[in-house]
Protein backbone atom coordinates (compact mmCIF):
# COMPACT_ATOMS: atom_id res chain seq x y z
CA MET A 1 36.92 176.24 1.24
CA PHE A 2 38.15 173.51 -1.09
CA ARG A 3 41.00 175.64 -2.38
CA GLY A 4 43.00 175.12 0.77
CA ASN A 5 45.13 172.01 0.34
CA ARG A 6 45.61 171.71 4.08
CA LEU A 7 41.88 171.89 4.80
CA ASN A 8 41.18 169.44 1.97
CA TYR A 9 43.71 167.03 3.48
CA LEU A 10 42.19 167.28 6.97
CA VAL A 11 38.63 166.85 5.70
CA ARG A 12 39.51 163.71 3.73
CA LEU A 13 41.45 162.27 6.67
CA TRP A 14 38.56 162.97 9.05
CA VAL A 15 36.07 161.34 6.66
CA ASP A 16 38.23 158.23 6.31
CA VAL A 17 38.78 157.90 10.06
CA SER A 18 35.04 158.24 10.64
CA LEU A 19 34.37 155.57 8.04
CA LEU A 20 36.94 153.27 9.66
CA LEU A 21 35.08 153.60 12.95
CA VAL A 22 31.77 152.79 11.29
CA CYS A 23 33.28 149.77 9.51
CA PHE A 24 34.76 148.51 12.77
CA VAL A 25 31.44 148.77 14.58
CA LEU A 26 29.66 146.92 11.77
CA ALA A 27 32.41 144.28 11.68
CA SER A 28 31.97 143.75 15.42
CA TYR A 29 28.24 143.30 14.87
CA PHE A 30 28.76 140.77 12.06
CA ASP A 31 31.30 138.91 14.17
CA ASN A 32 29.50 138.82 17.52
CA GLY A 33 25.91 139.74 16.70
CA THR A 34 26.20 142.82 18.92
CA VAL A 35 28.10 146.11 19.18
CA ALA A 36 28.17 146.11 22.97
CA GLY A 37 31.76 144.87 23.10
CA VAL A 38 33.22 147.65 20.97
CA LEU A 39 34.08 149.73 24.03
CA LYS A 40 35.94 146.89 25.71
CA ARG A 41 39.66 147.39 26.15
CA PRO A 42 40.97 144.90 23.51
CA LEU A 43 38.73 146.27 20.76
CA VAL A 44 39.52 149.88 21.69
CA ILE A 45 43.23 149.09 21.39
CA ILE A 46 42.68 147.36 18.04
CA ILE A 47 40.74 150.24 16.47
CA SER A 48 43.19 152.79 17.89
CA SER A 49 46.09 150.84 16.39
CA SER A 50 44.18 150.54 13.13
CA ILE A 51 43.71 154.31 12.85
CA LEU A 52 47.37 154.96 13.65
CA VAL A 53 48.54 152.42 11.07
CA TRP A 54 46.11 153.85 8.51
CA TYR A 55 47.47 157.36 9.05
CA ILE A 56 51.11 156.27 8.78
CA ALA A 57 50.44 154.21 5.65
CA ALA A 58 48.51 157.12 4.12
CA ARG A 59 51.49 159.39 4.67
CA ILE A 60 53.79 156.85 3.04
CA PHE A 61 51.59 156.11 0.02
CA LEU A 62 50.36 159.73 -0.36
CA LEU A 63 46.73 158.62 -0.23
CA TYR A 64 45.61 162.19 0.42
CA GLY A 65 47.40 163.79 -2.53
CA GLU A 66 45.59 166.55 -4.41
CA ILE A 67 42.63 164.91 -6.18
CA THR A 68 42.72 167.43 -9.04
CA ILE A 69 46.13 166.06 -10.06
CA PHE A 70 45.46 162.32 -9.71
CA SER A 71 42.64 160.44 -11.43
CA PHE A 72 40.19 158.24 -9.55
CA SER A 73 41.82 155.08 -10.92
CA GLN A 74 45.23 156.25 -9.67
CA GLU A 75 43.73 157.00 -6.28
CA MET A 76 42.21 153.50 -6.16
CA THR A 77 45.60 151.95 -6.96
CA VAL A 78 47.10 153.78 -4.01
CA PHE A 79 44.12 152.76 -1.86
CA LEU A 80 44.63 149.04 -2.60
CA ARG A 81 48.30 149.27 -1.61
CA GLN A 82 47.25 151.16 1.49
CA LEU A 83 44.63 148.54 2.42
CA ALA A 84 47.00 145.60 1.92
CA THR A 85 49.69 147.26 4.07
CA HIS A 86 47.13 148.15 6.73
CA LEU A 87 45.89 144.54 6.87
CA LEU A 88 49.37 143.00 7.08
CA ILE A 89 50.62 145.36 9.78
CA LEU A 90 47.46 145.02 11.87
CA ILE A 91 47.64 141.20 11.68
CA PHE A 92 51.32 141.35 12.65
CA LEU A 93 50.60 143.54 15.69
CA LEU A 94 47.78 141.28 16.83
CA PHE A 95 49.91 138.19 16.38
CA VAL A 96 52.80 139.66 18.39
CA PHE A 97 50.88 141.30 21.23
CA TYR A 98 47.78 139.11 21.61
CA GLN A 99 48.00 135.44 22.49
CA GLU A 100 44.27 135.14 21.71
CA PHE A 101 44.84 136.40 18.17
CA TYR A 102 42.61 133.69 16.71
CA GLN A 103 39.60 135.26 18.48
CA TYR A 104 39.87 138.36 16.30
CA ARG A 105 40.60 136.78 12.91
CA SER A 106 37.02 136.97 11.64
CA LEU A 107 36.62 140.50 13.04
CA VAL A 108 39.68 141.70 11.14
CA LEU A 109 38.44 139.98 7.98
CA TYR A 110 34.99 141.58 8.18
CA TYR A 111 36.59 144.92 9.02
CA HIS A 112 38.82 145.03 5.94
CA LEU A 113 36.11 143.65 3.67
CA LEU A 114 33.87 146.53 4.70
CA ILE A 115 36.70 149.03 4.13
CA PHE A 116 37.32 147.52 0.69
CA ILE A 117 33.65 148.00 -0.22
CA SER A 118 32.89 151.35 1.37
CA VAL A 119 36.00 153.51 0.91
CA PRO A 120 35.93 153.52 -2.94
CA PHE A 121 32.30 154.70 -2.84
CA GLU A 122 33.18 157.35 -0.28
CA LYS A 123 36.10 158.66 -2.33
CA TYR A 124 34.11 158.70 -5.56
CA PHE A 125 31.27 160.57 -3.85
CA TYR A 126 33.77 163.04 -2.40
CA ARG A 127 35.13 163.76 -5.89
CA VAL A 128 31.61 164.32 -7.21
CA LEU A 129 30.83 166.64 -4.30
CA VAL A 130 34.05 168.64 -4.77
CA ALA A 131 33.40 168.98 -8.51
CA PHE A 132 29.85 170.19 -7.81
CA VAL A 133 30.97 172.76 -5.24
CA ARG A 134 33.72 174.04 -7.51
CA LYS A 135 31.27 174.39 -10.37
CA GLN A 136 28.80 176.28 -8.20
CA TYR A 137 31.49 178.64 -6.94
CA LYS A 138 33.18 179.14 -10.33
CA TYR A 139 36.35 177.34 -9.35
CA GLU A 140 37.84 177.54 -12.87
CA LYS A 141 40.61 180.12 -12.99
CA ASN A 142 41.01 182.43 -15.95
CA ILE A 143 44.68 183.27 -16.40
CA LEU A 144 46.67 185.62 -18.60
CA ILE A 145 50.31 185.10 -19.58
CA VAL A 146 52.46 188.21 -20.06
CA GLY A 147 55.46 187.32 -22.21
CA SER A 148 55.77 185.04 -25.22
CA GLY A 149 59.37 183.82 -25.12
CA GLN A 150 60.58 180.29 -24.53
CA LEU A 151 59.72 180.45 -20.83
CA ALA A 152 56.11 181.35 -21.62
CA ALA A 153 55.95 178.65 -24.29
CA ASN A 154 57.21 176.03 -21.85
CA PHE A 155 54.64 177.13 -19.30
CA TYR A 156 51.89 177.02 -21.93
CA LYS A 157 52.82 173.45 -22.84
CA SER A 158 53.10 172.32 -19.24
CA ARG A 159 50.62 170.15 -17.39
CA ILE A 160 49.12 173.17 -15.62
CA LEU A 161 47.02 173.87 -18.71
CA ASN A 162 46.48 170.26 -19.76
CA ASN A 163 45.34 168.56 -16.56
CA ASN A 164 42.18 168.96 -14.54
CA LEU A 165 43.34 171.89 -12.40
CA LYS A 166 40.63 173.99 -14.08
CA TYR A 167 42.90 176.70 -15.48
CA ASN A 168 41.62 178.50 -18.56
CA LEU A 169 44.15 180.47 -20.60
CA VAL A 170 42.48 183.66 -21.82
CA GLY A 171 45.47 184.79 -23.83
CA VAL A 172 49.10 185.88 -24.15
CA LEU A 173 50.46 189.44 -24.24
CA ASP A 174 53.78 190.54 -25.70
CA ASP A 175 55.06 193.35 -27.92
CA ARG A 176 56.39 190.66 -30.23
CA ASP A 177 53.76 188.76 -32.20
CA HIS A 178 54.01 185.00 -31.75
CA HIS A 179 51.99 182.24 -33.33
CA ASN A 180 52.91 179.40 -30.98
CA PHE A 181 49.88 179.74 -28.71
CA ASN A 182 47.05 178.43 -30.90
CA GLY A 183 45.47 181.80 -31.53
CA LYS A 184 45.79 182.97 -27.93
CA TYR A 185 48.02 185.95 -28.79
CA LEU A 186 46.05 189.09 -27.86
CA GLY A 187 48.45 191.95 -28.54
CA GLY A 188 51.11 194.07 -26.90
CA PHE A 189 51.65 195.13 -23.30
CA ASN A 190 49.59 198.29 -23.87
CA GLN A 191 46.51 196.09 -24.20
CA LEU A 192 46.81 194.89 -20.59
CA THR A 193 44.46 197.48 -19.05
CA ASP A 194 41.72 196.91 -21.62
CA ILE A 195 41.94 193.12 -21.30
CA LEU A 196 41.72 193.28 -17.51
CA ASN A 197 38.66 195.53 -17.83
CA GLN A 198 36.93 193.41 -20.46
CA SER A 199 37.84 189.88 -19.31
CA ASP A 200 37.32 188.19 -15.98
CA ILE A 201 41.00 187.46 -15.27
CA ASP A 202 41.74 185.75 -11.95
CA GLU A 203 45.53 185.67 -12.15
CA VAL A 204 48.32 187.05 -14.33
CA PHE A 205 51.50 185.03 -14.90
CA LEU A 206 54.63 187.03 -15.70
CA ALA A 207 57.04 185.15 -17.98
CA LEU A 208 59.56 187.85 -18.75
CA PRO A 209 63.37 187.96 -18.50
CA ASN A 210 64.64 189.45 -15.23
CA ASP A 211 66.37 192.30 -17.02
CA GLU A 212 63.07 193.72 -18.36
CA THR A 213 62.46 195.49 -15.05
CA GLU A 214 60.49 198.41 -16.48
CA THR A 215 57.98 196.13 -18.19
CA ILE A 216 57.70 193.93 -15.09
CA ASP A 217 57.06 196.97 -12.86
CA TYR A 218 54.50 198.28 -15.37
CA VAL A 219 52.58 194.99 -15.47
CA ILE A 220 52.61 194.58 -11.69
CA ASP A 221 51.42 198.17 -11.19
CA ILE A 222 48.51 197.74 -13.63
CA CYS A 223 47.48 194.39 -12.10
CA GLU A 224 47.54 195.75 -8.56
CA LYS A 225 45.40 198.70 -9.57
CA LYS A 226 42.92 196.25 -11.06
CA SER A 227 43.12 193.95 -8.00
CA ARG A 228 44.49 191.00 -9.93
CA ARG A 229 46.88 188.42 -8.52
CA VAL A 230 50.33 188.26 -10.13
CA SER A 231 52.68 185.27 -10.16
CA ILE A 232 56.19 185.45 -11.57
CA ILE A 233 57.49 182.40 -13.44
CA GLN A 234 61.21 181.85 -13.05
CA ASP A 235 63.29 179.54 -15.23
CA ILE A 236 65.28 177.47 -12.73
CA SER A 237 65.58 174.35 -14.87
CA ARG A 238 69.10 175.42 -15.87
CA LEU A 239 70.19 174.66 -12.31
CA GLY A 240 69.85 171.00 -13.15
CA ALA A 241 68.12 170.02 -9.92
CA GLY A 242 65.42 167.43 -9.90
CA SER A 243 63.21 169.00 -7.23
CA PHE A 244 62.68 172.40 -5.65
CA LYS A 245 61.27 173.89 -2.49
CA VAL A 246 60.10 177.49 -2.11
CA THR A 247 60.44 178.97 1.37
CA ASN A 248 59.55 182.43 2.62
CA TYR A 249 62.27 184.19 4.59
CA ALA A 250 61.07 187.47 6.11
CA GLY A 251 58.98 188.17 3.04
CA PHE A 252 61.60 187.07 0.52
CA PRO A 253 60.80 183.89 -1.45
CA ALA A 254 63.81 181.60 -1.64
CA VAL A 255 63.99 178.64 -4.00
CA GLY A 256 65.86 175.64 -2.68
CA ILE A 257 67.37 173.88 -5.69
CA ARG A 258 67.40 170.52 -3.93
CA TYR A 259 64.47 169.18 -1.96
CA PHE A 260 64.32 165.59 -0.80
CA PRO A 261 61.43 163.73 0.86
CA LEU A 262 63.61 163.10 3.91
CA ASP A 263 63.91 166.86 4.44
CA ASP A 264 60.41 166.51 5.89
CA ALA A 265 60.69 166.11 9.67
CA GLU A 266 57.67 163.79 9.68
CA ASN A 267 59.28 161.49 7.12
CA GLN A 268 62.49 161.49 9.14
CA PHE A 269 60.51 160.51 12.22
CA PHE A 270 58.76 157.59 10.51
CA LYS A 271 62.01 156.35 8.97
CA ARG A 272 63.69 156.51 12.37
CA ILE A 273 60.86 154.56 13.98
CA PHE A 274 61.17 151.89 11.29
CA ASP A 275 64.95 151.74 11.78
CA LEU A 276 64.55 151.43 15.54
CA VAL A 277 61.93 148.67 15.33
CA PHE A 278 63.77 146.75 12.59
CA SER A 279 67.19 146.94 14.26
CA SER A 280 65.77 146.05 17.69
CA PHE A 281 64.04 142.99 16.25
CA PHE A 282 67.18 141.93 14.40
CA LEU A 283 69.56 142.45 17.32
CA LEU A 284 67.25 140.71 19.77
CA PHE A 285 66.15 137.69 17.76
CA LEU A 286 68.97 137.08 15.27
CA PHE A 287 72.20 138.82 16.21
CA THR A 288 72.15 137.41 19.76
CA TRP A 289 72.88 133.92 18.42
CA VAL A 290 74.30 134.54 14.92
CA GLY A 291 76.84 137.07 16.20
CA PRO A 292 78.57 134.75 18.72
CA ILE A 293 78.81 131.95 16.14
CA ILE A 294 80.50 134.26 13.61
CA ALA A 295 82.76 135.67 16.35
CA ILE A 296 83.99 132.21 17.34
CA ILE A 297 84.68 131.26 13.71
CA ILE A 298 86.64 134.48 13.14
CA LYS A 299 88.80 133.87 16.22
CA LEU A 300 89.48 130.29 15.20
CA ASN A 301 90.42 131.30 11.64
CA SER A 302 92.90 134.12 12.30
CA ARG A 303 94.32 136.19 15.12
CA GLY A 304 93.08 139.70 15.74
CA PRO A 305 89.94 141.49 16.94
CA ILE A 306 86.48 140.20 16.07
CA LEU A 307 85.08 143.58 15.10
CA PHE A 308 86.60 146.00 12.64
CA LYS A 309 85.99 149.68 13.45
CA GLN A 310 86.37 152.38 10.86
CA GLU A 311 85.61 156.10 10.74
CA ARG A 312 83.33 157.14 7.90
CA TRP A 313 81.24 160.17 7.06
CA GLY A 314 77.62 160.06 8.15
CA LEU A 315 74.77 162.56 8.02
CA ASN A 316 75.98 166.09 7.19
CA ASN A 317 79.59 164.86 6.90
CA LYS A 318 79.83 164.08 10.61
CA LYS A 319 82.26 161.30 11.43
CA ILE A 320 80.76 158.06 12.65
CA VAL A 321 82.38 154.82 13.78
CA CYS A 322 81.17 152.03 11.52
CA TYR A 323 81.29 148.45 12.84
CA LYS A 324 81.87 145.31 10.76
CA PHE A 325 83.08 141.79 11.40
CA ARG A 326 86.79 141.63 10.60
CA THR A 327 87.36 139.94 7.25
CA MET A 328 91.08 140.62 6.66
CA TYR A 329 94.31 139.63 8.29
CA ILE A 330 95.62 142.33 10.61
CA ASN A 331 98.35 144.76 9.42
CA THR A 332 97.47 144.27 5.76
CA GLY A 333 96.38 147.75 4.83
CA GLU A 334 92.68 147.59 5.63
CA ASP A 335 92.19 151.12 6.92
CA ASN A 336 92.72 151.16 10.68
CA PHE A 337 94.93 148.07 10.66
CA GLY A 338 97.51 149.40 8.21
CA ASN A 339 99.33 152.58 7.28
CA GLY A 340 97.13 153.49 4.33
CA PHE A 341 93.87 152.82 2.56
CA GLU A 342 93.43 150.33 -0.22
CA GLN A 343 90.10 149.09 -1.56
CA ALA A 344 89.35 145.37 -1.44
CA ARG A 345 89.79 143.71 -4.84
CA ARG A 346 88.56 140.49 -6.35
CA ASN A 347 90.65 137.59 -5.01
CA ASP A 348 92.32 139.96 -2.54
CA ARG A 349 95.01 138.09 -0.58
CA ARG A 350 94.36 140.20 2.50
CA VAL A 351 90.92 138.62 2.93
CA THR A 352 90.75 135.57 5.20
CA ALA A 353 88.96 132.37 4.20
CA VAL A 354 86.13 133.14 6.62
CA GLY A 355 86.19 136.78 5.57
CA ARG A 356 85.62 135.83 1.93
CA PHE A 357 82.41 134.01 2.91
CA LEU A 358 81.30 136.86 5.17
CA ARG A 359 81.82 139.42 2.40
CA LYS A 360 80.11 137.27 -0.21
CA SER A 361 77.06 136.77 2.00
CA ASN A 362 77.07 140.34 3.44
CA LEU A 363 77.23 138.88 6.95
CA ASP A 364 80.22 141.08 7.73
CA GLU A 365 77.83 144.07 7.75
CA LEU A 366 75.60 142.68 10.54
CA PRO A 367 77.23 144.67 13.40
CA GLN A 368 76.12 147.84 11.64
CA PHE A 369 72.64 147.22 13.06
CA ILE A 370 74.24 148.56 16.24
CA ASN A 371 74.87 151.80 14.33
CA VAL A 372 71.25 151.78 13.17
CA PHE A 373 69.92 151.21 16.68
CA PHE A 374 71.89 154.16 18.07
CA GLY A 375 70.93 156.41 15.15
CA SER A 376 74.16 157.03 13.24
CA MET A 377 73.01 154.88 10.32
CA SER A 378 69.77 153.69 8.70
CA VAL A 379 68.76 150.25 7.46
CA VAL A 380 68.50 151.65 3.92
CA GLY A 381 70.51 154.54 2.53
CA PRO A 382 73.68 155.36 0.59
CA ARG A 383 76.50 153.07 1.72
CA PRO A 384 79.10 154.98 3.77
CA HIS A 385 82.55 154.99 2.19
CA PRO A 386 85.89 155.05 4.00
CA ILE A 387 86.96 158.64 4.54
CA PRO A 388 90.03 158.39 2.25
CA LEU A 389 87.78 157.19 -0.57
CA SER A 390 85.33 160.04 0.07
CA LEU A 391 88.14 162.60 0.05
CA GLU A 392 89.35 161.17 -3.25
CA SER A 393 85.88 161.08 -4.84
CA LYS A 394 84.37 164.39 -3.75
CA ASP A 395 86.53 166.44 -6.13
CA ILE A 396 86.15 164.25 -9.20
CA VAL A 397 82.54 163.02 -8.98
CA GLN A 398 79.85 165.67 -9.35
CA ASN A 399 77.25 165.82 -6.54
CA TYR A 400 79.18 163.22 -4.54
CA MET A 401 78.72 165.07 -1.25
CA LEU A 402 74.92 165.15 -1.65
CA ARG A 403 74.99 161.52 -0.51
CA HIS A 404 75.60 162.82 3.00
CA LEU A 405 72.38 164.81 3.20
CA VAL A 406 70.72 161.63 4.54
CA LYS A 407 71.90 158.94 6.92
CA PRO A 408 74.08 156.22 5.37
CA GLY A 409 72.58 152.74 5.21
CA ILE A 410 73.53 149.10 5.62
CA THR A 411 72.13 148.48 2.15
CA GLY A 412 71.04 150.84 -0.59
CA TRP A 413 69.59 151.34 -4.05
CA ALA A 414 73.06 151.28 -5.61
CA GLN A 415 73.92 147.96 -3.97
CA VAL A 416 70.79 146.11 -5.10
CA ASN A 417 71.39 147.41 -8.63
CA GLY A 418 74.86 145.84 -8.74
CA SER A 419 76.86 149.00 -8.08
CA ARG A 420 79.05 147.72 -5.27
CA GLY A 421 82.56 146.45 -4.73
CA GLU A 422 85.72 148.17 -5.93
CA THR A 423 85.45 151.51 -7.74
CA SER A 424 88.63 151.33 -9.79
CA HIS A 425 87.49 154.01 -12.24
CA PRO A 426 85.72 157.35 -11.58
CA ASP A 427 82.84 156.20 -13.81
CA ASP A 428 82.16 153.38 -11.35
CA MET A 429 81.73 155.90 -8.56
CA ARG A 430 79.63 158.20 -10.77
CA LYS A 431 77.27 155.33 -11.47
CA ARG A 432 76.97 154.57 -7.75
CA VAL A 433 76.36 158.20 -6.86
CA GLY A 434 73.69 158.38 -9.56
CA PHE A 435 71.82 155.50 -7.93
CA ASP A 436 72.20 157.08 -4.48
CA LEU A 437 70.85 160.45 -5.61
CA TRP A 438 67.88 158.79 -7.31
CA TYR A 439 67.07 157.04 -4.04
CA ILE A 440 67.35 160.26 -2.03
CA GLU A 441 65.10 162.16 -4.44
CA ASN A 442 62.50 159.38 -4.65
CA TRP A 443 62.50 157.98 -1.12
CA ASN A 444 59.41 156.38 0.30
CA PHE A 445 58.71 153.56 2.72
CA TRP A 446 57.69 151.19 -0.06
CA LEU A 447 61.04 151.72 -1.78
CA ASP A 448 62.88 150.88 1.45
CA CYS A 449 60.91 147.63 1.73
CA GLN A 450 61.74 146.79 -1.88
CA ILE A 451 65.46 147.36 -1.28
CA ILE A 452 65.46 145.23 1.88
CA PHE A 453 63.68 142.41 0.07
CA GLN A 454 66.06 142.59 -2.90
CA THR A 455 69.04 142.59 -0.54
CA VAL A 456 67.84 139.35 1.05
CA VAL A 457 67.33 137.84 -2.42
CA ASN A 458 70.86 138.87 -3.44
CA MET A 459 72.30 137.35 -0.26
CA ILE A 460 70.63 134.03 -1.07
CA LYS A 461 71.54 133.84 -4.75
CA GLY A 462 74.93 135.58 -4.39
CA ASP A 463 76.32 138.77 -5.89
CA GLU A 464 79.34 138.61 -8.20
CA ASN A 465 80.41 142.09 -7.09
CA ALA A 466 80.57 141.05 -3.43
CA TYR A 467 84.19 140.21 -2.61
């Protein structure tokens, strides 16, 4: 039963939720001397919110990753981040929605102290139990590799045989004798039947070139007659992609050479919820008074509209209208106001005095929270470029268009790493795209928070590339 990753995930989640309930009941007892009030409406709402926040944070931090891949110390590191996030968010929700927040301070403290003490014991015990069950049911897999070329050697040296996945390599078969497998070479392909009869092989891994069809068919036929599982190893590293996803289409396995965390519908949902909450808070509590002040200053400084609207490419290359505070004099070549496109340069004469300050402080980007609220942009993501710049870059910068597989953002990983401003040379754009692709391939909620924090820091201290 423990071989099913999905079942393992659900069991661990159920155990944690049950433990949270127990900790909450005990915390209520320590706080009030009784558990009678646990079923009252405020406490029911608190524990319900706690479980929801715990689940969301667990998804973000990957708390329920496969325990055979991650050590106990690594799992505890994730747990501490999870607990800190859970505490902060729960306190924030209580502070915002409960005027009597102070009544629950000690309850929340007891609650998280109990979680801090009990969850590590629970997770350690779970690991011991899983190891015991696997040992009783002979979980260790005996595998045989057919093929001894470079692909087989790479597989042999990979983590699959060096970590705690409990794989035991019985040997390697190939008509060519190789000595790169530490004495595991067992002979030619004609030895396959005897080895399957004499050894308890659970799975056979085929590591042969695709053009050796006769040998592949022979091995598969023998393994099926002996009721052994066969897996075919394919060398897709030459495609140069950083991540892959295997999908089954009507019985045909298809390997997607690019797989990003935001391809997951659940991750997209959580990121959208964060964008909606963040943009709503910003527009309601900050933009309502900061926006009019900036608008008045712009009107007093130069004639023309307050907002600058520009078409850019958004998710899946769909055109979006991007809003900014106007920072240039009208009819000076800034996209929609002129006859052509020209990037802003350092000490650009087209930029107004107020516009220079707005650009330097990033305040000109504030109206884009309207884009975030309505869903065409995200708070964090690759910065959207003017369409003429995208048309110019897509043919000279490799993987440029992959930036549009996610929503563009107000700020991004490239911007906080100093890759912003004018891209006067293709290498400047390549560097920016490299940062954007790294973000897309490594996205998580914690990274978004880091980028937002660093953006605020850069706004305070100033960025020399902002002009």
